[in-house]
Amino acid sequence: MPVEQIEAELVSQPSSVAQILKAAQKPFQENVELDAYREGYRPVVFIPNGYKAEYPDFEKHLDTPLRKTATVRLDDAESFVWYLKEHGEAHRTRTYLQADYAAGKVNFTALINDHQSGYTEQNWRDHKALFTPANSVEWKKWTSRNCDVMSQTEFAIFLEDNLANICLIDGLPTATDMMEMVLNFEATNEKRFKSAARLQSGGINFEYIDQEDSVTSSKMKVFERFAIAIPVFVQPIAASDEIVAYRIDCRLKYRIRDGKLVLWFELVREDKVLEAAAKDIVAQIKNDSGFPLIAGDPFAR
C-alpha cells in the first residue's frame, strides 16, 4: 500500500485521546454514597470548556456535620467554663488570654480544636469560644459619676437610688446613716451655706443660714467617707449564684461658692479593684475549666 494512502487512513480515524475528550463532553450521572463522603472520599466533577475540576459540597445533605465548627460568644465565666467542659478535649483544647490588668480588660479565646504537639496532629482551629467580661450596671453607675460635681439635689438623688450598694463597715456610715444625710441635703437645698469645718471625730460640719433670715445660722453634719460593695463584672445568670462584690472606699468632696453647696465623691483606687476582679476571673477560668491557659493572641498577624 502506498505511503500516502496509509497516512490518509491514520488521519481519518480518531485517536484514543480524541475519543476520550469527545466522550467527556457528554454529561453522565453517577451515584455517590454519602457514607463514602463521610469516610473521606470526595467526588470530583470536571466541567467542559476547559475541564475545570470542581469539588461539590455534599456535607449539608448528611444527617450530621463531618466535624464541629462554631464561633460562640459567652456572657459570663460560668457559661464559658461550661462550654469548654461540654465540647473540649484534654489533648487539643486550649484557652488564650489577652489581658490588660491595669485597665481591667481581659479577653478569652478558647480553641476547641487547637493544634497538638505531634508532627501530624495539626487541626483546623475553627471551633472557638469567646468571652470578654462586661462591666456590671453597678460599676458603670458609680464610675460614671466619679468626681462628677453635683448639686445638693442631684447628689441626694444619686445616693438614694444607690443606697443598696452602701457597705456596712465598722467606723463608716450605714445605709440608714446615708439616707439621713440624703434627707438633710434635700431639706437644706434652698439654704445659703457659709462655711464648712472638719471635725476631729470625723465628718464635716456645714454652717448655713435661711435665705430670709441671715442672722440665725444652723449646722448640718455629713460624713466625709463611706464605702460601697458592688460587682465589677456582670454576674452569672443563675439566680442561685452568689454575687461577688468588691469593696470600694469613697471620699466625700464639696465646694461652697456664692452660698451654694456642690458635692461629689471620689472612688479610692478603683483601678486596683478592677485589676483584682479581672485576676479573679482569670483564676476562676483556669481552675474550673481544667484546660491550659496561655497568655497571647492565637491569631496574631
C-alpha atoms as a PDB file:
ATOM      1  CA  MET A   1       0.000   0.000   0.000  1.00  0.00           C
ATOM      2  CA  PRO A   2       1.371   3.395  -0.901  1.00  0.00           C
ATOM      3  CA  VAL A   3       2.632   5.559   1.913  1.00  0.00           C
ATOM      4  CA  GLU A   4       0.178   8.362   1.040  1.00  0.00           C
ATOM      5  CA  GLN A   5      -2.825   6.007   1.459  1.00  0.00           C
ATOM      6  CA  ILE A   6      -1.624   4.757   4.869  1.00  0.00           C
ATOM      7  CA  GLU A   7      -1.247   8.345   6.166  1.00  0.00           C
ATOM      8  CA  ALA A   8      -4.738   9.234   4.940  1.00  0.00           C
ATOM      9  CA  GLU A   9      -6.301   6.297   6.782  1.00  0.00           C
ATOM     10  CA  LEU A  10      -4.482   7.194  10.021  1.00  0.00           C
ATOM     11  CA  VAL A  11      -5.706  10.749   9.844  1.00  0.00           C
ATOM     12  CA  SER A  12      -9.302   9.720   9.169  1.00  0.00           C
ATOM     13  CA  GLN A  13      -9.513   7.560  12.343  1.00  0.00           C
ATOM     14  CA  PRO A  14      -9.708   9.486  15.676  1.00  0.00           C
ATOM     15  CA  SER A  15      -7.003   8.746  18.203  1.00  0.00           C
ATOM     16  CA  SER A  16      -7.810   7.342  21.669  1.00  0.00           C
ATOM     17  CA  VAL A  17      -7.188  10.782  23.221  1.00  0.00           C
ATOM     18  CA  ALA A  18      -9.681  12.405  20.897  1.00  0.00           C
ATOM     19  CA  GLN A  19     -12.235   9.755  21.715  1.00  0.00           C
ATOM     20  CA  ILE A  20     -11.792  10.314  25.445  1.00  0.00           C
ATOM     21  CA  LEU A  21     -12.192  14.074  25.111  1.00  0.00           C
ATOM     22  CA  LYS A  22     -15.281  13.632  22.963  1.00  0.00           C
ATOM     23  CA  ALA A  23     -16.817  11.213  25.456  1.00  0.00           C
ATOM     24  CA  ALA A  24     -16.018  13.512  28.365  1.00  0.00           C
ATOM     25  CA  GLN A  25     -18.097  16.245  26.768  1.00  0.00           C
ATOM     26  CA  LYS A  26     -21.213  14.114  27.160  1.00  0.00           C
ATOM     27  CA  PRO A  27     -22.942  14.524  30.531  1.00  0.00           C
ATOM     28  CA  PHE A  28     -23.323  11.447  32.675  1.00  0.00           C
ATOM     29  CA  GLN A  29     -24.643  10.662  36.138  1.00  0.00           C
ATOM     30  CA  GLU A  30     -23.066   8.547  38.845  1.00  0.00           C
ATOM     31  CA  ASN A  31     -24.442   7.979  42.330  1.00  0.00           C
ATOM     32  CA  VAL A  32     -22.180   8.872  45.267  1.00  0.00           C
ATOM     33  CA  GLU A  33     -22.759   7.135  48.586  1.00  0.00           C
ATOM     34  CA  LEU A  34     -22.871   9.645  51.453  1.00  0.00           C
ATOM     35  CA  ASP A  35     -21.138   7.140  53.731  1.00  0.00           C
ATOM     36  CA  ALA A  36     -18.154   7.243  51.406  1.00  0.00           C
ATOM     37  CA  TYR A  37     -18.186  11.050  51.690  1.00  0.00           C
ATOM     38  CA  ARG A  38     -18.075  10.751  55.473  1.00  0.00           C
ATOM     39  CA  GLU A  39     -15.120   8.353  55.231  1.00  0.00           C
ATOM     40  CA  GLY A  40     -13.051  10.983  53.474  1.00  0.00           C
ATOM     41  CA  TYR A  41     -13.782  10.328  49.799  1.00  0.00           C
ATOM     42  CA  ARG A  42     -14.571  13.396  47.715  1.00  0.00           C
ATOM     43  CA  PRO A  43     -16.305  13.322  44.305  1.00  0.00           C
ATOM     44  CA  VAL A  44     -14.683  15.387  41.558  1.00  0.00           C
ATOM     45  CA  VAL A  45     -16.662  16.915  38.691  1.00  0.00           C
ATOM     46  CA  PHE A  46     -14.859  18.053  35.525  1.00  0.00           C
ATOM     47  CA  ILE A  47     -16.719  20.848  33.750  1.00  0.00           C
ATOM     48  CA  PRO A  48     -16.316  21.062  29.924  1.00  0.00           C
ATOM     49  CA  ASN A  49     -14.861  24.121  28.209  1.00  0.00           C
ATOM     50  CA  GLY A  50     -11.533  23.936  29.928  1.00  0.00           C
ATOM     51  CA  TYR A  51     -12.339  20.891  32.060  1.00  0.00           C
ATOM     52  CA  LYS A  52     -12.121  22.721  35.347  1.00  0.00           C
ATOM     53  CA  ALA A  53     -12.273  20.388  38.348  1.00  0.00           C
ATOM     54  CA  GLU A  54     -14.926  21.210  40.952  1.00  0.00           C
ATOM     55  CA  TYR A  55     -15.476  19.591  44.327  1.00  0.00           C
ATOM     56  CA  PRO A  56     -19.168  19.809  45.240  1.00  0.00           C
ATOM     57  CA  ASP A  57     -20.021  20.119  48.938  1.00  0.00           C
ATOM     58  CA  PHE A  58     -22.406  17.361  49.953  1.00  0.00           C
ATOM     59  CA  GLU A  59     -21.927  17.819  53.706  1.00  0.00           C
ATOM     60  CA  LYS A  60     -25.231  19.670  54.060  1.00  0.00           C
ATOM     61  CA  HIS A  61     -27.019  16.523  52.869  1.00  0.00           C
ATOM     62  CA  LEU A  62     -25.596  14.408  55.699  1.00  0.00           C
ATOM     63  CA  ASP A  63     -27.543  13.728  58.889  1.00  0.00           C
ATOM     64  CA  THR A  64     -24.813  15.452  60.913  1.00  0.00           C
ATOM     65  CA  PRO A  65     -21.773  17.605  60.022  1.00  0.00           C
ATOM     66  CA  LEU A  66     -18.444  15.899  59.412  1.00  0.00           C
ATOM     67  CA  ARG A  67     -16.932  17.793  62.379  1.00  0.00           C
ATOM     68  CA  LYS A  68     -17.764  20.572  64.818  1.00  0.00           C
ATOM     69  CA  THR A  69     -17.211  24.172  63.704  1.00  0.00           C
ATOM     70  CA  ALA A  70     -18.560  27.226  65.512  1.00  0.00           C
ATOM     71  CA  THR A  71     -17.756  30.639  66.929  1.00  0.00           C
ATOM     72  CA  VAL A  72     -19.632  31.006  70.205  1.00  0.00           C
ATOM     73  CA  ARG A  73     -19.615  34.126  72.391  1.00  0.00           C
ATOM     74  CA  LEU A  74     -20.376  33.562  76.095  1.00  0.00           C
ATOM     75  CA  ASP A  75     -21.615  36.234  78.507  1.00  0.00           C
ATOM     76  CA  ASP A  76     -20.237  35.103  81.876  1.00  0.00           C
ATOM     77  CA  ALA A  77     -17.391  33.000  83.242  1.00  0.00           C
ATOM     78  CA  GLU A  78     -19.608  30.112  84.340  1.00  0.00           C
ATOM     79  CA  SER A  79     -21.125  29.739  80.863  1.00  0.00           C
ATOM     80  CA  PHE A  80     -17.654  29.907  79.295  1.00  0.00           C
ATOM     81  CA  VAL A  81     -16.349  27.141  81.574  1.00  0.00           C
ATOM     82  CA  TRP A  82     -19.440  25.011  80.912  1.00  0.00           C
ATOM     83  CA  TYR A  83     -18.946  25.256  77.147  1.00  0.00           C
ATOM     84  CA  LEU A  84     -15.295  24.238  77.420  1.00  0.00           C
ATOM     85  CA  LYS A  85     -16.144  21.218  79.542  1.00  0.00           C
ATOM     86  CA  GLU A  86     -19.004  20.230  77.234  1.00  0.00           C
ATOM     87  CA  HIS A  87     -17.028  20.355  73.970  1.00  0.00           C
ATOM     88  CA  GLY A  88     -13.348  20.439  74.900  1.00  0.00           C
ATOM     89  CA  GLU A  89     -10.848  17.590  74.740  1.00  0.00           C
ATOM     90  CA  ALA A  90      -7.857  17.425  77.041  1.00  0.00           C
ATOM     91  CA  HIS A  91      -5.290  16.864  74.295  1.00  0.00           C
ATOM     92  CA  ARG A  92      -6.321  19.667  71.922  1.00  0.00           C
ATOM     93  CA  THR A  93      -8.366  22.360  73.714  1.00  0.00           C
ATOM     94  CA  ARG A  94      -6.562  25.486  74.911  1.00  0.00           C
ATOM     95  CA  THR A  95      -7.627  28.924  76.132  1.00  0.00           C
ATOM     96  CA  TYR A  96      -5.705  32.037  75.082  1.00  0.00           C
ATOM     97  CA  LEU A  97      -5.757  35.117  77.310  1.00  0.00           C
ATOM     98  CA  GLN A  98      -5.137  38.742  76.358  1.00  0.00           C
ATOM     99  CA  ALA A  99      -5.064  40.880  79.489  1.00  0.00           C
ATOM    100  CA  ASP A 100      -4.504  44.491  80.483  1.00  0.00           C
ATOM    101  CA  TYR A 101      -4.996  44.180  84.229  1.00  0.00           C
ATOM    102  CA  ALA A 102      -4.454  47.856  84.979  1.00  0.00           C
ATOM    103  CA  ALA A 103      -7.362  48.722  82.672  1.00  0.00           C
ATOM    104  CA  GLY A 104      -9.418  45.760  83.851  1.00  0.00           C
ATOM    105  CA  LYS A 105      -9.592  44.289  80.349  1.00  0.00           C
ATOM    106  CA  VAL A 106      -9.403  40.539  79.812  1.00  0.00           C
ATOM    107  CA  ASN A 107     -10.344  38.636  76.655  1.00  0.00           C
ATOM    108  CA  PHE A 108     -10.532  34.857  76.409  1.00  0.00           C
ATOM    109  CA  THR A 109     -10.391  32.861  73.168  1.00  0.00           C
ATOM    110  CA  ALA A 110     -10.728  29.104  73.582  1.00  0.00           C
ATOM    111  CA  LEU A 111      -9.811  26.898  70.621  1.00  0.00           C
ATOM    112  CA  ILE A 112     -11.677  23.623  70.988  1.00  0.00           C
ATOM    113  CA  ASN A 113      -9.710  22.058  68.103  1.00  0.00           C
ATOM    114  CA  ASP A 114      -6.268  23.617  68.523  1.00  0.00           C
ATOM    115  CA  HIS A 115      -3.061  22.194  67.075  1.00  0.00           C
ATOM    116  CA  GLN A 116      -1.328  19.441  69.012  1.00  0.00           C
ATOM    117  CA  SER A 117       2.370  18.879  69.512  1.00  0.00           C
ATOM    118  CA  GLY A 118       2.804  15.973  67.080  1.00  0.00           C
ATOM    119  CA  TYR A 119       4.020  16.499  63.520  1.00  0.00           C
ATOM    120  CA  THR A 120       0.780  15.086  62.083  1.00  0.00           C
ATOM    121  CA  GLU A 121      -1.534  16.452  64.794  1.00  0.00           C
ATOM    122  CA  GLN A 122      -2.492  19.741  63.183  1.00  0.00           C
ATOM    123  CA  ASN A 123      -6.114  20.880  63.473  1.00  0.00           C
ATOM    124  CA  TRP A 124      -8.395  23.382  61.772  1.00  0.00           C
ATOM    125  CA  ARG A 125      -8.722  25.744  64.779  1.00  0.00           C
ATOM    126  CA  ASP A 126     -12.205  26.773  63.674  1.00  0.00           C
ATOM    127  CA  HIS A 127     -14.239  25.796  66.728  1.00  0.00           C
ATOM    128  CA  LYS A 128     -13.915  28.822  69.003  1.00  0.00           C
ATOM    129  CA  ALA A 129     -15.451  30.029  72.260  1.00  0.00           C
ATOM    130  CA  LEU A 130     -15.066  33.734  73.107  1.00  0.00           C
ATOM    131  CA  PHE A 131     -15.571  35.549  76.391  1.00  0.00           C
ATOM    132  CA  THR A 132     -14.965  39.181  77.323  1.00  0.00           C
ATOM    133  CA  PRO A 133     -16.253  40.110  80.806  1.00  0.00           C
ATOM    134  CA  ALA A 134     -18.638  43.074  80.683  1.00  0.00           C
ATOM    135  CA  ASN A 135     -18.787  45.637  83.481  1.00  0.00           C
ATOM    136  CA  SER A 136     -21.801  45.406  85.753  1.00  0.00           C
ATOM    137  CA  VAL A 137     -24.562  48.012  85.868  1.00  0.00           C
ATOM    138  CA  GLU A 138     -23.463  48.988  89.382  1.00  0.00           C
ATOM    139  CA  TRP A 139     -19.865  49.518  88.273  1.00  0.00           C
ATOM    140  CA  LYS A 140     -20.968  51.703  85.373  1.00  0.00           C
ATOM    141  CA  LYS A 141     -23.227  53.811  87.602  1.00  0.00           C
ATOM    142  CA  TRP A 142     -20.584  54.601  90.223  1.00  0.00           C
ATOM    143  CA  THR A 143     -17.620  55.054  87.897  1.00  0.00           C
ATOM    144  CA  SER A 144     -19.611  57.262  85.503  1.00  0.00           C
ATOM    145  CA  ARG A 145     -20.316  59.741  88.338  1.00  0.00           C
ATOM    146  CA  ASN A 146     -16.858  59.507  89.925  1.00  0.00           C
ATOM    147  CA  CYS A 147     -15.577  63.070  90.565  1.00  0.00           C
ATOM    148  CA  ASP A 148     -18.704  64.438  88.881  1.00  0.00           C
ATOM    149  CA  VAL A 149     -19.729  67.709  90.568  1.00  0.00           C
ATOM    150  CA  MET A 150     -23.420  67.674  91.556  1.00  0.00           C
ATOM    151  CA  SER A 151     -25.868  69.991  93.229  1.00  0.00           C
ATOM    152  CA  GLN A 152     -27.317  69.012  96.603  1.00  0.00           C
ATOM    153  CA  THR A 153     -30.440  67.667  94.941  1.00  0.00           C
ATOM    154  CA  GLU A 154     -28.525  65.702  92.295  1.00  0.00           C
ATOM    155  CA  PHE A 155     -26.201  64.229  94.901  1.00  0.00           C
ATOM    156  CA  ALA A 156     -29.110  63.286  97.170  1.00  0.00           C
ATOM    157  CA  ILE A 157     -30.983  61.578  94.327  1.00  0.00           C
ATOM    158  CA  PHE A 158     -27.906  59.614  93.271  1.00  0.00           C
ATOM    159  CA  LEU A 159     -27.255  58.352  96.803  1.00  0.00           C
ATOM    160  CA  GLU A 160     -30.914  57.485  97.321  1.00  0.00           C
ATOM    161  CA  ASP A 161     -31.021  55.492  94.071  1.00  0.00           C
ATOM    162  CA  ASN A 162     -27.921  53.516  95.053  1.00  0.00           C
ATOM    163  CA  LEU A 163     -28.326  53.050  98.815  1.00  0.00           C
ATOM    164  CA  ALA A 164     -28.343  49.265  98.318  1.00  0.00           C
ATOM    165  CA  ASN A 165     -24.652  49.465  97.425  1.00  0.00           C
ATOM    166  CA  ILE A 166     -23.588  51.071 100.726  1.00  0.00           C
ATOM    167  CA  CYS A 167     -21.285  48.664 102.537  1.00  0.00           C
ATOM    168  CA  LEU A 168     -21.529  48.011 106.280  1.00  0.00           C
ATOM    169  CA  ILE A 169     -18.030  48.684 107.642  1.00  0.00           C
ATOM    170  CA  ASP A 170     -17.084  49.488 111.235  1.00  0.00           C
ATOM    171  CA  GLY A 171     -16.472  53.204 111.634  1.00  0.00           C
ATOM    172  CA  LEU A 172     -18.208  54.125 108.373  1.00  0.00           C
ATOM    173  CA  PRO A 173     -21.842  55.173 107.834  1.00  0.00           C
ATOM    174  CA  THR A 174     -24.519  52.573 107.189  1.00  0.00           C
ATOM    175  CA  ALA A 175     -27.208  52.808 104.528  1.00  0.00           C
ATOM    176  CA  THR A 176     -29.534  54.247 107.187  1.00  0.00           C
ATOM    177  CA  ASP A 177     -26.969  56.913 108.071  1.00  0.00           C
ATOM    178  CA  MET A 178     -26.553  57.791 104.413  1.00  0.00           C
ATOM    179  CA  MET A 179     -30.316  58.060 103.963  1.00  0.00           C
ATOM    180  CA  GLU A 180     -30.474  60.524 106.842  1.00  0.00           C
ATOM    181  CA  MET A 181     -27.771  62.574 105.158  1.00  0.00           C
ATOM    182  CA  VAL A 182     -29.761  62.482 101.918  1.00  0.00           C
ATOM    183  CA  LEU A 183     -32.807  63.888 103.710  1.00  0.00           C
ATOM    184  CA  ASN A 184     -30.675  66.668 105.196  1.00  0.00           C
ATOM    185  CA  PHE A 185     -29.409  67.610 101.738  1.00  0.00           C
ATOM    186  CA  GLU A 186     -32.953  67.770 100.433  1.00  0.00           C
ATOM    187  CA  ALA A 187     -34.139  69.837 103.418  1.00  0.00           C
ATOM    188  CA  THR A 188     -31.343  72.406 103.060  1.00  0.00           C
ATOM    189  CA  ASN A 189     -31.479  72.709  99.297  1.00  0.00           C
ATOM    190  CA  GLU A 190     -32.661  76.331  99.453  1.00  0.00           C
ATOM    191  CA  LYS A 191     -30.364  77.380 102.310  1.00  0.00           C
ATOM    192  CA  ARG A 192     -27.343  79.621 101.981  1.00  0.00           C
ATOM    193  CA  PHE A 193     -24.128  77.929 103.091  1.00  0.00           C
ATOM    194  CA  LYS A 194     -21.484  79.994 104.845  1.00  0.00           C
ATOM    195  CA  SER A 195     -18.672  77.648 105.836  1.00  0.00           C
ATOM    196  CA  ALA A 196     -17.527  74.097 106.446  1.00  0.00           C
ATOM    197  CA  ALA A 197     -15.305  72.645 109.164  1.00  0.00           C
ATOM    198  CA  ARG A 198     -13.830  69.185 109.577  1.00  0.00           C
ATOM    199  CA  LEU A 199     -14.486  67.528 112.924  1.00  0.00           C
ATOM    200  CA  GLN A 200     -11.844  65.693 114.924  1.00  0.00           C
ATOM    201  CA  SER A 201     -14.299  62.857 115.407  1.00  0.00           C
ATOM    202  CA  GLY A 202     -14.716  62.574 111.653  1.00  0.00           C
ATOM    203  CA  GLY A 203     -17.171  64.186 109.321  1.00  0.00           C
ATOM    204  CA  ILE A 204     -17.809  67.731 108.214  1.00  0.00           C
ATOM    205  CA  ASN A 205     -19.964  70.435 109.784  1.00  0.00           C
ATOM    206  CA  PHE A 206     -21.659  72.775 107.339  1.00  0.00           C
ATOM    207  CA  GLU A 207     -22.948  76.106 108.634  1.00  0.00           C
ATOM    208  CA  TYR A 208     -25.859  77.598 106.742  1.00  0.00           C
ATOM    209  CA  ILE A 209     -28.480  80.327 107.094  1.00  0.00           C
ATOM    210  CA  ASP A 210     -32.000  80.748 105.817  1.00  0.00           C
ATOM    211  CA  GLN A 211     -32.387  82.913 102.745  1.00  0.00           C
ATOM    212  CA  GLU A 212     -34.857  85.129 104.646  1.00  0.00           C
ATOM    213  CA  ASP A 213     -33.033  85.150 107.988  1.00  0.00           C
ATOM    214  CA  SER A 214     -29.351  85.960 107.687  1.00  0.00           C
ATOM    215  CA  VAL A 215     -28.856  86.191 111.453  1.00  0.00           C
ATOM    216  CA  THR A 216     -29.756  82.733 112.665  1.00  0.00           C
ATOM    217  CA  SER A 217     -27.397  80.017 111.499  1.00  0.00           C
ATOM    218  CA  SER A 218     -27.694  76.252 111.709  1.00  0.00           C
ATOM    219  CA  LYS A 219     -25.308  73.371 111.267  1.00  0.00           C
ATOM    220  CA  MET A 220     -25.503  70.119 109.361  1.00  0.00           C
ATOM    221  CA  LYS A 221     -23.096  67.226 109.828  1.00  0.00           C
ATOM    222  CA  VAL A 222     -22.207  64.985 106.905  1.00  0.00           C
ATOM    223  CA  PHE A 223     -19.834  62.055 106.508  1.00  0.00           C
ATOM    224  CA  GLU A 224     -16.542  62.576 104.748  1.00  0.00           C
ATOM    225  CA  ARG A 225     -16.035  58.900 103.888  1.00  0.00           C
ATOM    226  CA  PHE A 226     -18.238  55.932 103.101  1.00  0.00           C
ATOM    227  CA  ALA A 227     -17.833  52.563 101.396  1.00  0.00           C
ATOM    228  CA  ILE A 228     -19.696  50.657  98.718  1.00  0.00           C
ATOM    229  CA  ALA A 229     -19.684  46.978  97.733  1.00  0.00           C
ATOM    230  CA  ILE A 230     -20.516  46.276  94.089  1.00  0.00           C
ATOM    231  CA  PRO A 231     -19.842  43.604  91.468  1.00  0.00           C
ATOM    232  CA  VAL A 232     -17.260  44.708  88.927  1.00  0.00           C
ATOM    233  CA  PHE A 233     -18.388  42.423  86.114  1.00  0.00           C
ATOM    234  CA  VAL A 234     -21.757  41.060  85.014  1.00  0.00           C
ATOM    235  CA  GLN A 235     -22.798  38.226  87.290  1.00  0.00           C
ATOM    236  CA  PRO A 236     -23.926  34.700  86.280  1.00  0.00           C
ATOM    237  CA  ILE A 237     -27.471  34.290  85.040  1.00  0.00           C
ATOM    238  CA  ALA A 238     -28.312  31.563  87.563  1.00  0.00           C
ATOM    239  CA  ALA A 239     -30.329  33.023  90.429  1.00  0.00           C
ATOM    240  CA  SER A 240     -28.692  30.692  92.938  1.00  0.00           C
ATOM    241  CA  ASP A 241     -25.203  32.044  92.293  1.00  0.00           C
ATOM    242  CA  GLU A 242     -23.819  34.396  94.911  1.00  0.00           C
ATOM    243  CA  ILE A 243     -22.946  37.893  93.766  1.00  0.00           C
ATOM    244  CA  VAL A 244     -19.228  38.625  94.015  1.00  0.00           C
ATOM    245  CA  ALA A 245     -18.997  42.199  95.317  1.00  0.00           C
ATOM    246  CA  TYR A 246     -15.837  44.248  95.829  1.00  0.00           C
ATOM    247  CA  ARG A 247     -15.394  46.976  98.410  1.00  0.00           C
ATOM    248  CA  ILE A 248     -14.524  50.472  97.221  1.00  0.00           C
ATOM    249  CA  ASP A 249     -13.941  53.336  99.658  1.00  0.00           C
ATOM    250  CA  CYS A 250     -15.325  56.760  98.715  1.00  0.00           C
ATOM    251  CA  ARG A 251     -14.335  60.267  99.787  1.00  0.00           C
ATOM    252  CA  LEU A 252     -16.988  62.958 100.020  1.00  0.00           C
ATOM    253  CA  LYS A 253     -15.840  66.235  98.469  1.00  0.00           C
ATOM    254  CA  TYR A 254     -17.526  69.636  98.497  1.00  0.00           C
ATOM    255  CA  ARG A 255     -17.203  73.257  97.478  1.00  0.00           C
ATOM    256  CA  ILE A 256     -19.090  76.342  98.663  1.00  0.00           C
ATOM    257  CA  ARG A 257     -19.361  79.206  96.210  1.00  0.00           C
ATOM    258  CA  ASP A 258     -21.729  82.182  96.489  1.00  0.00           C
ATOM    259  CA  GLY A 259     -23.646  80.393  99.213  1.00  0.00           C
ATOM    260  CA  LYS A 260     -24.273  77.322  97.078  1.00  0.00           C
ATOM    261  CA  LEU A 261     -23.044  73.894  98.121  1.00  0.00           C
ATOM    262  CA  VAL A 262     -21.928  71.421  95.467  1.00  0.00           C
ATOM    263  CA  LEU A 263     -20.749  67.903  96.221  1.00  0.00           C
ATOM    264  CA  TRP A 264     -19.103  64.919  94.599  1.00  0.00           C
ATOM    265  CA  PHE A 265     -17.409  61.697  95.588  1.00  0.00           C
ATOM    266  CA  GLU A 266     -14.046  60.207  94.717  1.00  0.00           C
ATOM    267  CA  LEU A 267     -13.593  56.452  94.404  1.00  0.00           C
ATOM    268  CA  VAL A 268     -10.389  55.416  96.166  1.00  0.00           C
ATOM    269  CA  ARG A 269      -8.128  53.362  93.845  1.00  0.00           C
ATOM    270  CA  GLU A 270     -10.950  51.819  91.865  1.00  0.00           C
ATOM    271  CA  ASP A 271      -8.299  50.797  89.327  1.00  0.00           C
ATOM    272  CA  LYS A 272      -6.878  48.322  91.849  1.00  0.00           C
ATOM    273  CA  VAL A 273     -10.350  46.912  92.461  1.00  0.00           C
ATOM    274  CA  LEU A 274     -10.806  46.489  88.715  1.00  0.00           C
ATOM    275  CA  GLU A 275      -7.448  44.743  88.447  1.00  0.00           C
ATOM    276  CA  ALA A 276      -8.267  42.377  91.322  1.00  0.00           C
ATOM    277  CA  ALA A 277     -11.630  41.454  89.789  1.00  0.00           C
ATOM    278  CA  ALA A 278     -10.023  40.740  86.416  1.00  0.00           C
ATOM    279  CA  LYS A 279      -7.398  38.493  88.004  1.00  0.00           C
ATOM    280  CA  ASP A 280     -10.107  36.648  89.924  1.00  0.00           C
ATOM    281  CA  ILE A 281     -11.934  35.799  86.687  1.00  0.00           C
ATOM    282  CA  VAL A 282      -8.712  34.551  85.104  1.00  0.00           C
ATOM    283  CA  ALA A 283      -8.034  32.313  88.115  1.00  0.00           C
ATOM    284  CA  GLN A 284     -11.623  31.048  88.077  1.00  0.00           C
ATOM    285  CA  ILE A 285     -11.486  30.018  84.416  1.00  0.00           C
ATOM    286  CA  LYS A 286      -8.044  28.459  84.771  1.00  0.00           C
ATOM    287  CA  ASN A 287      -9.016  26.402  87.824  1.00  0.00           C
ATOM    288  CA  ASP A 288     -12.575  25.459  86.869  1.00  0.00           C
ATOM    289  CA  SER A 289     -12.107  24.592  83.198  1.00  0.00           C
ATOM    290  CA  GLY A 290      -9.113  22.293  83.625  1.00  0.00           C
ATOM    291  CA  PHE A 291      -7.647  23.293  80.250  1.00  0.00           C
ATOM    292  CA  PRO A 292      -4.307  25.060  79.645  1.00  0.00           C
ATOM    293  CA  LEU A 293      -4.411  28.863  79.818  1.00  0.00           C
ATOM    294  CA  ILE A 294      -1.925  30.605  77.533  1.00  0.00           C
ATOM    295  CA  ALA A 295      -1.187  34.333  77.519  1.00  0.00           C
ATOM    296  CA  GLY A 296      -1.292  35.622  73.960  1.00  0.00           C
ATOM    297  CA  ASP A 297      -3.232  36.008  70.715  1.00  0.00           C
ATOM    298  CA  PRO A 298      -3.932  32.729  68.872  1.00  0.00           C
ATOM    299  CA  PHE A 299      -4.413  34.533  65.547  1.00  0.00           C
ATOM    300  CA  ALA A 300      -1.701  37.197  65.701  1.00  0.00           C
ATOM    301  CA  ARG A 301      -0.583  38.630  62.381  1.00  0.00           C
END
